[in-house]
């Protein structure tokens, strides 16, 4: 039997209308408009007079993840609280005084962003995004909406799967003397998302790479699945070819580790059918629309879940968690 749970009283943001605030479509703005590509911290102050300017002298940098975002429903109140917290961070930064390091060396920040609920943004992520010189984004339009929601204005450059190699040289050159933040559309960048080449190149060139942890669909699904969490394997997005998919699933299922992967709604039934044949009646959890209004966890065997999704077609973002081989044997022993 498939078991599910309601996610709670979050306001759902229409996936077909990713603009916000909720209840209205965000106006489309040209990415290269001067008002959006601000090159100096003072520009931010003119737009947000309540924020204090960080010390931006040489050598000074900020301290220290497809899914659609969802407005948590508190409108200006939630964003205002984040701005007040930023003001406290800025005041503390100013009180620390200027950095004694006179040589400006850029840093690459890997900034995690909300996977659905905007309240999940961290204070440190806001602090970094407000102060870096450039943000490399998987989709600049998507990231622009996130920045606009929190009243932030920074230069943006696209970095996605189809242009990452071409963009490397320009971004690495910018990193020589400027701080750069890397973000994906949702969650942790470079984790089943663009950015791996940039991070590797930055490390190879001696640049400092700083993670700014935050929301992760992988960890959220894992810890709420009820399956063992001490050892696990993340498979990312599964291969499309049936033979490769069967081989990968069989290999993963032979391990004692819990394993996870991302799957799209239109492939979910096909994947479950292959799982039923390849690994049998294993415990599986499908986490759907994590942190959003329609968040739910569906639990059962591949065959049971397949039967459920034939009646109720899968929708939204899906993260699948599968029990390791020993967990299956333990369940059989308990059930007698």
Protein backbone atom coordinates (compact mmCIF):
# COMPACT_ATOMS: atom_id res chain seq x y z
CA UNK A 1 0.00 0.00 0.00
CA UNK A 2 1.28 3.44 -0.91
CA UNK A 3 1.34 5.88 1.99
CA UNK A 4 1.55 9.65 1.68
CA UNK A 5 1.49 12.74 3.88
CA UNK A 6 0.34 16.33 3.52
CA UNK A 7 3.10 18.90 3.58
CA UNK A 8 1.31 21.56 5.61
CA UNK A 9 -0.01 25.09 5.16
CA UNK A 10 2.43 26.57 2.65
CA UNK A 11 1.10 28.71 -0.17
CA UNK A 12 1.77 27.04 -3.52
CA UNK A 13 3.45 29.09 -6.18
CA UNK A 14 2.12 28.33 -9.65
CA UNK A 15 4.82 26.36 -11.49
CA UNK A 16 3.60 27.76 -14.79
CA UNK A 17 3.98 31.29 -13.51
CA UNK A 18 7.34 31.46 -11.72
CA UNK A 19 7.15 35.22 -11.22
CA UNK A 20 6.41 36.56 -7.77
CA UNK A 21 5.20 37.84 -5.37
CA UNK A 22 2.37 35.30 -5.36
CA UNK A 23 -0.76 36.52 -7.05
CA UNK A 24 0.91 38.37 -9.88
CA UNK A 25 3.35 37.79 -12.71
CA UNK A 26 6.76 39.38 -12.35
CA UNK A 27 7.49 41.92 -15.06
CA UNK A 28 10.08 40.69 -17.54
CA UNK A 29 13.13 42.95 -17.38
CA UNK A 30 16.10 43.07 -19.76
CA UNK A 31 19.10 41.46 -18.10
CA UNK A 32 21.49 44.06 -19.47
CA UNK A 33 19.54 47.09 -18.31
CA UNK A 34 21.86 49.47 -16.40
CA UNK A 35 19.51 49.50 -13.41
CA UNK A 36 19.99 45.75 -13.01
CA UNK A 37 23.71 45.47 -13.67
CA UNK A 38 25.01 47.61 -10.85
CA UNK A 39 28.78 47.75 -10.68
CA UNK A 40 29.35 49.53 -7.39
CA UNK A 41 28.13 48.87 -3.82
CA UNK A 42 26.86 52.44 -3.59
CA UNK A 43 24.29 51.58 -6.26
CA UNK A 44 22.85 48.99 -3.91
CA UNK A 45 22.62 51.61 -1.18
CA UNK A 46 20.66 53.92 -3.44
CA UNK A 47 18.14 51.17 -4.13
CA UNK A 48 18.06 49.91 -0.55
CA UNK A 49 18.73 52.90 1.73
CA UNK A 50 18.18 50.78 4.84
CA UNK A 51 21.23 48.61 4.15
CA UNK A 52 24.72 49.49 5.31
CA UNK A 53 27.57 49.36 2.85
CA UNK A 54 30.15 46.64 3.41
CA UNK A 55 33.80 47.52 3.44
CA UNK A 56 34.83 46.89 -0.16
CA UNK A 57 38.49 47.83 0.08
CA UNK A 58 41.12 45.69 -1.60
CA UNK A 59 41.35 42.22 -0.18
CA UNK A 60 37.90 42.40 1.44
CA UNK A 61 35.19 39.90 0.54
CA UNK A 62 31.95 38.63 1.99
CA UNK A 63 32.22 36.60 5.15
CA UNK A 64 31.75 33.34 5.54
CA UNK A 65 20.71 25.15 -5.42
CA UNK A 66 15.45 23.26 -12.22
CA UNK A 67 12.85 23.73 -9.57
CA UNK A 68 10.57 26.72 -9.31
CA UNK A 69 10.66 28.86 -6.22
CA UNK A 70 7.67 29.37 -3.99
CA UNK A 71 6.75 32.49 -2.06
CA UNK A 72 6.07 31.42 1.55
CA UNK A 73 3.15 33.82 1.68
CA UNK A 74 4.47 36.46 4.06
CA UNK A 75 5.26 38.93 1.28
CA UNK A 76 7.23 41.97 2.32
CA UNK A 77 7.37 40.81 5.93
CA UNK A 78 9.61 37.82 5.21
CA UNK A 79 11.85 39.80 2.88
CA UNK A 80 11.93 42.68 5.37
CA UNK A 81 13.08 40.35 8.13
CA UNK A 82 15.90 39.12 5.91
CA UNK A 83 16.94 42.70 5.19
CA UNK A 84 16.98 43.57 8.88
CA UNK A 85 19.17 40.55 9.51
CA UNK A 86 21.45 41.68 6.71
CA UNK A 87 21.77 45.10 8.33
CA UNK A 88 22.97 43.42 11.53
CA UNK A 89 25.51 41.41 9.57
CA UNK A 90 26.70 44.53 7.77
CA UNK A 91 27.06 46.48 11.01
CA UNK A 92 29.17 43.68 12.49
CA UNK A 93 31.30 43.60 9.35
CA UNK A 94 31.91 47.34 9.53
CA UNK A 95 32.81 47.14 13.22
CA UNK A 96 35.53 44.61 12.40
CA UNK A 97 37.37 47.26 10.42
CA UNK A 98 39.23 46.98 7.11
CA UNK A 99 41.22 43.91 6.17
CA UNK A 100 44.99 44.23 6.61
CA UNK A 101 45.47 42.32 3.33
CA UNK A 102 46.06 44.98 0.66
CA UNK A 103 46.18 42.54 -2.24
CA UNK A 104 42.75 41.86 -3.71
CA UNK A 105 42.29 38.16 -4.47
CA UNK A 106 38.90 36.93 -5.62
CA UNK A 107 37.05 33.97 -4.15
CA UNK A 108 34.51 31.60 -5.66
CA UNK A 109 31.44 31.12 -3.44
CA UNK A 110 29.18 28.11 -4.04
CA UNK A 111 25.83 29.43 -2.80
CA UNK A 112 22.89 27.11 -2.14
CA UNK A 113 19.48 28.61 -2.89
CA UNK A 114 15.91 27.53 -1.99
CA UNK A 115 14.48 24.43 -3.66
CA UNK A 116 10.91 25.68 -3.34
CA UNK A 117 10.28 27.72 -0.21
CA UNK A 118 11.92 31.15 -0.17
CA UNK A 119 12.05 31.13 3.64
CA UNK A 120 14.80 28.52 3.34
CA UNK A 121 17.37 31.07 2.13
CA UNK A 122 20.15 31.47 4.69
CA UNK A 123 21.42 34.76 6.10
CA UNK A 124 24.90 33.90 4.92
CA UNK A 125 23.65 33.24 1.38
CA UNK A 126 21.96 36.66 1.31
CA UNK A 127 25.10 38.28 2.70
CA UNK A 128 27.28 36.72 0.00
CA UNK A 129 24.87 37.39 -2.87
CA UNK A 130 24.57 41.04 -1.81
CA UNK A 131 28.31 41.63 -1.75
CA UNK A 132 30.00 39.60 -4.49
CA UNK A 133 31.05 41.38 -7.67
CA UNK A 134 29.43 38.87 -10.03
CA UNK A 135 26.90 36.02 -9.85
CA UNK A 136 27.25 33.11 -12.29
CA UNK A 137 23.76 31.63 -12.62
CA UNK A 138 22.33 28.57 -14.34
CA UNK A 139 19.40 30.71 -15.55
CA UNK A 140 19.85 34.46 -15.11
CA UNK A 141 16.11 35.09 -15.41
CA UNK A 142 15.36 32.69 -12.57
CA UNK A 143 18.11 34.07 -10.34
CA UNK A 144 17.05 37.64 -11.10
CA UNK A 145 13.63 36.88 -9.62
CA UNK A 146 15.24 35.48 -6.48
CA UNK A 147 17.45 38.55 -6.09
CA UNK A 148 14.54 40.90 -6.74
CA UNK A 149 12.43 39.21 -4.06
CA UNK A 150 15.09 40.01 -1.46
CA UNK A 151 15.85 43.47 -2.83
CA UNK A 152 19.31 42.57 -4.14
CA UNK A 153 20.96 43.90 -7.30
CA UNK A 154 24.14 42.29 -8.62
CA UNK A 155 25.65 41.69 -12.07
CA UNK A 156 24.66 38.33 -13.56
CA UNK A 157 26.27 36.06 -16.13
CA UNK A 158 24.85 32.78 -17.41
CA UNK A 159 26.67 29.52 -16.73
CA UNK A 160 24.76 26.45 -17.84
CA UNK A 161 25.43 23.02 -19.31
CA UNK A 162 25.69 24.34 -22.87
CA UNK A 163 28.08 27.25 -22.30
CA UNK A 164 30.13 26.31 -19.22
CA UNK A 165 33.26 25.43 -21.17
CA UNK A 166 33.10 28.69 -23.16
CA UNK A 167 32.55 30.80 -20.04
CA UNK A 168 35.41 29.34 -18.00
CA UNK A 169 38.19 31.65 -19.18
CA UNK A 170 36.18 34.85 -18.66
CA UNK A 171 34.97 33.88 -15.18
CA UNK A 172 38.41 32.68 -14.08
CA UNK A 173 39.88 35.99 -15.23
CA UNK A 174 37.24 37.83 -13.22
CA UNK A 175 38.13 35.70 -10.20
CA UNK A 176 41.68 37.00 -10.19
CA UNK A 177 40.57 40.22 -8.50
CA UNK A 178 36.83 39.89 -7.85
CA UNK A 179 34.55 37.67 -5.80
CA UNK A 180 32.15 35.49 -7.79
CA UNK A 181 29.13 33.51 -6.54
CA UNK A 182 27.98 30.38 -8.35
CA UNK A 183 24.28 29.49 -8.05
CA UNK A 184 21.99 26.97 -9.71
CA UNK A 185 18.26 27.34 -10.26
CA UNK A 186 17.63 25.57 -6.96
CA UNK A 187 19.63 23.83 -4.27
CA UNK A 188 23.37 23.31 -4.21
CA UNK A 189 25.33 24.30 -7.34
CA UNK A 190 27.58 21.74 -9.07
CA UNK A 191 25.52 18.86 -7.59
CA UNK A 192 23.76 17.37 -10.63
CA UNK A 193 23.87 20.95 -11.90
CA UNK A 194 26.30 23.06 -13.96
CA UNK A 195 29.43 24.36 -12.27
CA UNK A 196 31.66 21.31 -11.83
CA UNK A 197 34.09 22.46 -14.52
CA UNK A 198 34.28 25.95 -13.03
CA UNK A 199 34.96 24.63 -9.53
CA UNK A 200 37.64 22.23 -10.81
CA UNK A 201 39.29 24.97 -12.86
CA UNK A 202 39.23 27.40 -9.92
CA UNK A 203 40.85 24.82 -7.64
CA UNK A 204 43.47 24.00 -10.28
CA UNK A 205 44.33 27.70 -10.69
CA UNK A 206 44.77 28.16 -6.94
CA UNK A 207 41.60 30.18 -6.31
CA UNK A 208 39.89 29.84 -2.94
CA UNK A 209 36.57 27.99 -3.24
CA UNK A 210 34.10 28.56 -0.39
CA UNK A 211 30.88 26.54 0.04
CA UNK A 212 27.83 28.34 1.41
CA UNK A 213 25.60 25.42 2.46
CA UNK A 214 21.84 25.48 2.39
CA UNK A 215 18.79 23.71 0.94
CA UNK A 216 19.33 20.31 -0.69
CA UNK A 217 16.65 18.05 -2.15
CA UNK A 218 18.97 15.07 -1.67
CA UNK A 219 19.39 15.47 2.08
CA UNK A 220 15.80 16.60 2.66
CA UNK A 221 14.44 13.47 0.96
CA UNK A 222 16.95 11.17 2.66
CA UNK A 223 16.40 12.25 6.26
CA UNK A 224 12.59 12.21 5.92
CA UNK A 225 12.45 8.88 4.10
CA UNK A 226 12.69 6.68 7.19
CA UNK A 227 15.43 4.62 5.51
CA UNK A 228 19.00 4.26 6.84
CA UNK A 229 21.04 7.46 6.49
CA UNK A 230 24.47 6.48 7.82
CA UNK A 231 25.65 5.38 4.36
CA UNK A 232 24.07 6.36 1.06
CA UNK A 233 24.81 6.79 -2.64
CA UNK A 234 23.48 9.60 -4.81
CA UNK A 235 23.05 8.63 -8.47
CA UNK A 236 21.94 12.01 -9.79
CA UNK A 237 19.82 11.78 -12.94
CA UNK A 238 19.53 8.24 -14.28
CA UNK A 239 20.64 7.24 -17.80
CA UNK A 240 17.91 7.19 -20.43
CA UNK A 241 18.89 3.96 -22.19
CA UNK A 242 17.10 0.96 -20.75
CA UNK A 243 20.17 -1.29 -20.66
CA UNK A 244 22.30 1.28 -18.84
CA UNK A 245 19.46 2.05 -16.44
CA UNK A 246 18.90 -1.62 -15.55
CA UNK A 247 22.62 -2.17 -14.99
CA UNK A 248 22.95 0.89 -12.77
CA UNK A 249 19.92 -0.01 -10.66
CA UNK A 250 21.06 -3.62 -10.18
CA UNK A 251 24.53 -2.50 -9.11
CA UNK A 252 23.10 0.06 -6.67
CA UNK A 253 20.61 -2.45 -5.27
CA UNK A 254 23.35 -4.99 -4.49
CA UNK A 255 24.91 -2.54 -2.03
CA UNK A 256 23.86 -2.24 1.59
CA UNK A 257 23.69 1.52 1.16
CA UNK A 258 20.52 3.51 0.68
CA UNK A 259 20.57 5.14 -2.75
CA UNK A 260 18.84 8.18 -4.21
CA UNK A 261 18.25 9.71 -7.61
CA UNK A 262 16.30 12.45 -9.35
CA UNK A 263 13.58 11.52 -11.82
CA UNK A 264 11.21 13.43 -14.08
CA UNK A 265 7.44 12.86 -13.89
CA UNK A 266 7.14 11.61 -17.47
CA UNK A 267 9.78 8.90 -16.87
CA UNK A 268 8.71 7.82 -13.39
CA UNK A 269 6.40 4.96 -14.45
CA UNK A 270 9.00 3.52 -16.82
CA UNK A 271 11.68 3.68 -14.12
CA UNK A 272 9.43 2.00 -11.53
CA UNK A 273 8.64 -0.82 -13.97
CA UNK A 274 12.36 -1.42 -14.53
CA UNK A 275 12.98 -1.25 -10.77
CA UNK A 276 10.25 -3.82 -10.09
CA UNK A 277 11.93 -6.26 -12.48
CA UNK A 278 15.51 -5.44 -11.51
CA UNK A 279 15.40 -5.18 -7.70
CA UNK A 280 12.07 -6.67 -6.67
CA UNK A 281 9.92 -5.61 -3.68
CA UNK A 282 12.38 -3.14 -2.19
CA UNK A 283 11.26 -0.27 0.06
CA UNK A 284 11.07 2.91 -2.02
CA UNK A 285 10.16 6.49 -1.07
CA UNK A 286 9.21 9.09 -3.67
CA UNK A 287 9.59 12.63 -2.30
CA UNK A 288 7.54 15.05 -4.38
CA UNK A 289 7.61 18.86 -4.49
CA UNK A 290 9.90 19.19 -1.47
CA UNK A 291 9.34 22.33 0.66
CA UNK A 292 6.37 23.42 -1.48
CA UNK A 293 2.65 23.45 -0.74
CA UNK A 294 2.04 20.04 -2.30
CA UNK A 295 5.03 18.33 -0.72
CA UNK A 296 4.40 14.65 -0.05
CA UNK A 297 6.22 11.39 0.60
CA UNK A 298 4.87 8.27 -1.09
CA UNK A 299 6.11 4.96 0.30
CA UNK A 300 5.83 1.43 -1.06
CA UNK A 301 7.46 -1.13 -3.34
CA UNK A 302 8.18 -0.29 -6.99
CA UNK A 303 5.08 -2.27 -8.02
CA UNK A 304 2.85 -0.51 -5.47
CA UNK A 305 4.11 2.91 -6.43
CA UNK A 306 3.66 2.11 -10.11
CA UNK A 307 0.04 1.16 -9.46
CA UNK A 308 -0.50 4.42 -7.57
CA UNK A 309 1.02 6.60 -10.30
CA UNK A 310 -1.10 4.89 -12.96
CA UNK A 311 -4.14 6.20 -11.08
CA UNK A 312 -2.60 9.54 -10.10
CA UNK A 313 0.02 10.65 -12.65
CA UNK A 314 3.19 11.98 -11.02
CA UNK A 315 3.73 15.74 -11.13
CA UNK A 316 6.39 18.17 -9.98
CA UNK A 317 9.97 17.59 -8.87
CA UNK A 318 10.70 14.02 -7.75
CA UNK A 319 13.49 12.63 -5.58
CA UNK A 320 13.52 8.85 -5.17
CA UNK A 321 15.04 7.07 -2.15
CA UNK A 322 15.61 3.30 -2.26
CA UNK A 323 16.53 1.00 0.62
CA UNK A 324 19.79 -0.93 0.54
CA UNK A 325 19.93 -4.73 0.37
CA UNK A 326 20.25 -5.29 4.13
CA UNK A 327 17.22 -3.15 4.91
CA UNK A 328 15.10 -5.39 2.71
CA UNK A 329 16.29 -8.49 4.58
CA UNK A 330 15.69 -6.78 7.95
CA UNK A 331 12.10 -6.00 6.97
CA UNK A 332 11.49 -9.61 5.97
CA UNK A 333 12.85 -10.79 9.32
CA UNK A 334 10.62 -8.40 11.28
CA UNK A 335 7.52 -9.35 9.31
CA UNK A 336 8.24 -13.01 9.98
